Amino acid sequence: MDPVADHLSNNIRQLRETRGLTQQQMAKISGVPRPTWSNLESGAANPTLAVLVKVATALQVSLEELISPPRTSSKFYPAASLPVRQRGKVTVRRLLPEAIAGLEVERVVLPPGASMTGITHTPGTREYLTCERGEVELSESGRLWRLEAGDVVVFRGDQSHGYRNPGREQAIAYSVIALAPVSG
């Protein structure tokens, strides 16, 4: 099949389905006969420009969007494909497979008694630590916070800090780091 025709058929079907409409409903909205809609979605049609304009207008998209390669709306990342690092007994796994400028989101698994020194970030960095399971102690700037499931501490990530599991069970926490831009 011609790639443009393939893109056209996939886009028309996906756009119609996204709107929750049937081919019959689209035919009525656009003024294009239902058999033509069926042929457009199957890739069997060779539509005129006038038909494409009616279809684009009914779907409220540009002609370019009808014939462009379909946009992928999702991508699956198996857990094993996400970066993991060990810091002593603590396992730290990135949660977001794609970089978001200035943001890091990580899952931290602390076995009983395990501890980890946090990384001091650029001045102005904020960190958000939330405990999902177990207990986590956060030491930062001379303070000691004890988090249980659901608790959150927001603190300056540009100060020395550390994490520890004082409990007898594995602890899981999530760290969101909003990095301040590096000046200079």
Protein backbone atom coordinates (compact mmCIF):
# COMPACT_ATOMS: atom_id res chain seq x y z
CA MET A 1 0.00 0.00 0.00
CA ASP A 2 1.15 3.56 -0.72
CA PRO A 3 2.46 5.11 2.54
CA VAL A 4 0.36 8.28 2.11
CA ALA A 5 -2.78 6.21 1.50
CA ASP A 6 -1.88 4.08 4.52
CA HIS A 7 -1.44 7.20 6.68
CA LEU A 8 -4.72 8.62 5.37
CA SER A 9 -6.73 5.50 6.19
CA ASN A 10 -5.18 5.07 9.65
CA ASN A 11 -5.60 8.76 10.53
CA ILE A 12 -9.22 8.97 9.41
CA ARG A 13 -10.16 5.83 11.35
CA GLN A 14 -8.24 6.93 14.48
CA LEU A 15 -9.65 10.47 14.41
CA ARG A 16 -13.21 9.18 13.96
CA GLU A 17 -12.85 6.60 16.74
CA THR A 18 -11.28 9.17 19.08
CA ARG A 19 -14.41 11.26 18.65
CA GLY A 20 -16.60 8.24 19.43
CA LEU A 21 -18.48 8.50 16.12
CA THR A 22 -19.60 5.84 13.64
CA GLN A 23 -18.91 5.96 9.91
CA GLN A 24 -22.61 6.70 9.40
CA GLN A 25 -22.46 9.68 11.77
CA MET A 26 -19.34 11.02 10.04
CA ALA A 27 -21.02 10.61 6.65
CA LYS A 28 -23.92 12.74 7.82
CA ILE A 29 -21.65 15.42 9.36
CA SER A 30 -19.36 15.65 6.33
CA GLY A 31 -21.72 15.06 3.44
CA VAL A 32 -19.49 12.19 2.26
CA PRO A 33 -21.39 8.91 1.64
CA ARG A 34 -20.86 6.15 4.21
CA PRO A 35 -19.43 3.70 1.63
CA THR A 36 -16.81 6.35 0.81
CA TRP A 37 -15.92 6.56 4.53
CA SER A 38 -15.52 2.80 4.60
CA ASN A 39 -13.24 2.92 1.55
CA LEU A 40 -11.21 5.79 3.05
CA GLU A 41 -10.64 3.85 6.28
CA SER A 42 -9.75 0.63 4.46
CA GLY A 43 -7.28 2.38 2.18
CA ALA A 44 -9.22 1.40 -0.93
CA ALA A 45 -10.26 4.97 -1.82
CA ASN A 46 -8.52 7.42 -4.12
CA PRO A 47 -10.31 10.54 -2.89
CA THR A 48 -10.53 13.84 -4.69
CA LEU A 49 -9.29 17.00 -3.04
CA ALA A 50 -12.91 18.06 -2.51
CA VAL A 51 -13.62 14.86 -0.53
CA LEU A 52 -10.46 15.32 1.57
CA VAL A 53 -11.48 18.88 2.40
CA LYS A 54 -14.92 17.65 3.56
CA VAL A 55 -13.33 14.92 5.66
CA ALA A 56 -10.77 17.30 7.23
CA THR A 57 -13.49 19.85 7.97
CA ALA A 58 -15.75 17.25 9.57
CA LEU A 59 -12.86 15.92 11.71
CA GLN A 60 -11.71 19.49 12.48
CA VAL A 61 -8.12 18.87 11.37
CA SER A 62 -5.87 20.15 8.60
CA LEU A 63 -5.37 18.29 5.33
CA GLU A 64 -1.77 17.81 6.39
CA GLU A 65 -2.85 15.97 9.53
CA LEU A 66 -4.92 13.57 7.42
CA ILE A 67 -1.96 12.46 5.29
CA SER A 68 0.94 12.78 7.77
CA PRO A 69 2.36 9.75 9.56
CA PRO A 70 0.09 9.00 12.52
CA ARG A 71 1.17 10.48 15.83
CA THR A 72 1.92 7.88 18.40
CA SER A 73 -0.09 8.56 21.48
CA SER A 74 1.64 6.11 23.77
CA LYS A 75 4.72 3.97 24.21
CA PHE A 76 5.25 1.10 26.62
CA TYR A 77 8.49 0.85 28.62
CA PRO A 78 9.07 -2.45 30.43
CA ALA A 79 10.39 -1.95 33.98
CA ALA A 80 13.69 -3.59 33.00
CA SER A 81 14.30 -0.89 30.36
CA LEU A 82 14.33 1.94 32.93
CA PRO A 83 17.72 2.96 34.33
CA VAL A 84 18.50 1.49 37.76
CA ARG A 85 21.50 2.19 39.97
CA GLN A 86 22.63 0.78 43.28
CA ARG A 87 23.89 3.10 46.00
CA GLY A 88 25.07 0.69 48.64
CA LYS A 89 22.08 -1.47 49.55
CA VAL A 90 19.62 1.12 48.18
CA THR A 91 18.11 0.69 44.71
CA VAL A 92 17.21 3.87 42.81
CA ARG A 93 15.17 3.58 39.61
CA ARG A 94 14.15 6.40 37.31
CA LEU A 95 10.39 6.51 36.84
CA LEU A 96 10.30 8.60 33.66
CA PRO A 97 11.94 7.06 30.60
CA GLU A 98 12.11 10.37 28.77
CA ALA A 99 13.91 13.39 30.14
CA ILE A 100 11.87 16.37 31.28
CA ALA A 101 14.08 19.42 31.51
CA GLY A 102 14.87 20.29 35.11
CA LEU A 103 12.98 17.36 36.63
CA GLU A 104 14.04 13.98 37.99
CA VAL A 105 11.59 11.43 39.37
CA GLU A 106 12.92 8.32 41.07
CA ARG A 107 11.72 5.32 43.05
CA VAL A 108 13.91 4.55 46.05
CA VAL A 109 13.87 1.09 47.65
CA LEU A 110 15.53 0.90 51.07
CA PRO A 111 15.96 -2.52 52.73
CA PRO A 112 15.64 -2.58 56.55
CA GLY A 113 18.47 -0.57 58.11
CA ALA A 114 19.78 0.71 54.77
CA SER A 115 20.84 4.31 54.31
CA MET A 116 21.97 6.52 51.46
CA THR A 117 23.55 9.96 51.31
CA GLY A 118 21.65 12.29 49.00
CA ILE A 119 23.31 14.20 46.18
CA THR A 120 23.65 17.93 46.84
CA HIS A 121 22.22 19.73 43.79
CA THR A 122 22.60 23.22 42.33
CA PRO A 123 21.50 26.16 44.49
CA GLY A 124 17.73 26.66 44.38
CA THR A 125 16.87 22.99 43.77
CA ARG A 126 13.74 21.71 45.56
CA GLU A 127 13.15 18.09 46.44
CA TYR A 128 9.91 16.33 47.27
CA LEU A 129 10.15 13.02 49.10
CA THR A 130 7.07 10.88 49.65
CA CYS A 131 6.94 7.57 51.43
CA GLU A 132 4.84 4.88 49.82
CA ARG A 133 5.54 1.96 52.12
CA GLY A 134 7.40 1.37 55.36
CA GLU A 135 9.29 4.14 57.14
CA VAL A 136 11.88 6.55 55.81
CA GLU A 137 13.98 8.96 57.82
CA LEU A 138 15.15 12.04 55.97
CA SER A 139 17.94 14.08 57.48
CA GLU A 140 18.43 17.51 55.97
CA SER A 141 19.98 20.73 57.21
CA GLY A 142 20.22 19.40 60.77
CA ARG A 143 16.58 18.24 60.88
CA LEU A 144 15.30 14.69 61.04
CA TRP A 145 11.96 13.84 59.43
CA ARG A 146 10.29 10.46 59.91
CA LEU A 147 7.94 9.63 57.04
CA GLU A 148 5.32 6.91 56.95
CA ALA A 149 3.12 5.86 54.05
CA GLY A 150 1.61 8.92 52.37
CA ASP A 151 3.80 11.51 54.14
CA VAL A 152 5.69 14.10 52.08
CA VAL A 153 8.59 16.40 52.94
CA VAL A 154 9.58 19.30 50.70
CA PHE A 155 13.13 20.50 51.25
CA ARG A 156 16.07 22.27 49.70
CA GLY A 157 18.00 19.87 47.52
CA ASP A 158 21.04 22.13 47.54
CA GLN A 159 21.76 21.20 51.19
CA SER A 160 23.30 17.99 52.51
CA HIS A 161 20.71 15.31 53.12
CA GLY A 162 20.34 11.56 53.54
CA TYR A 163 17.79 8.77 53.68
CA ARG A 164 17.50 5.81 56.04
CA ASN A 165 15.08 2.99 56.68
CA PRO A 166 14.80 2.61 60.47
CA GLY A 167 12.16 -0.10 60.20
CA ARG A 168 12.16 -3.88 59.97
CA GLU A 169 10.49 -3.96 56.55
CA GLN A 170 11.51 -2.72 53.15
CA ALA A 171 10.67 0.95 52.58
CA ILE A 172 9.72 2.50 49.25
CA ALA A 173 9.83 6.22 48.61
CA TYR A 174 9.56 8.51 45.61
CA SER A 175 11.86 11.44 45.08
CA VAL A 176 10.94 14.31 42.78
CA ILE A 177 13.79 16.73 42.19
CA ALA A 178 13.04 20.12 40.65
CA LEU A 179 16.52 21.15 39.56
CA ALA A 180 17.42 24.82 39.59
CA PRO A 181 19.18 25.99 36.42
CA VAL A 182 22.95 26.09 36.53
CA SER A 183 24.01 29.74 36.49
CA GLY A 184 26.92 30.97 34.54
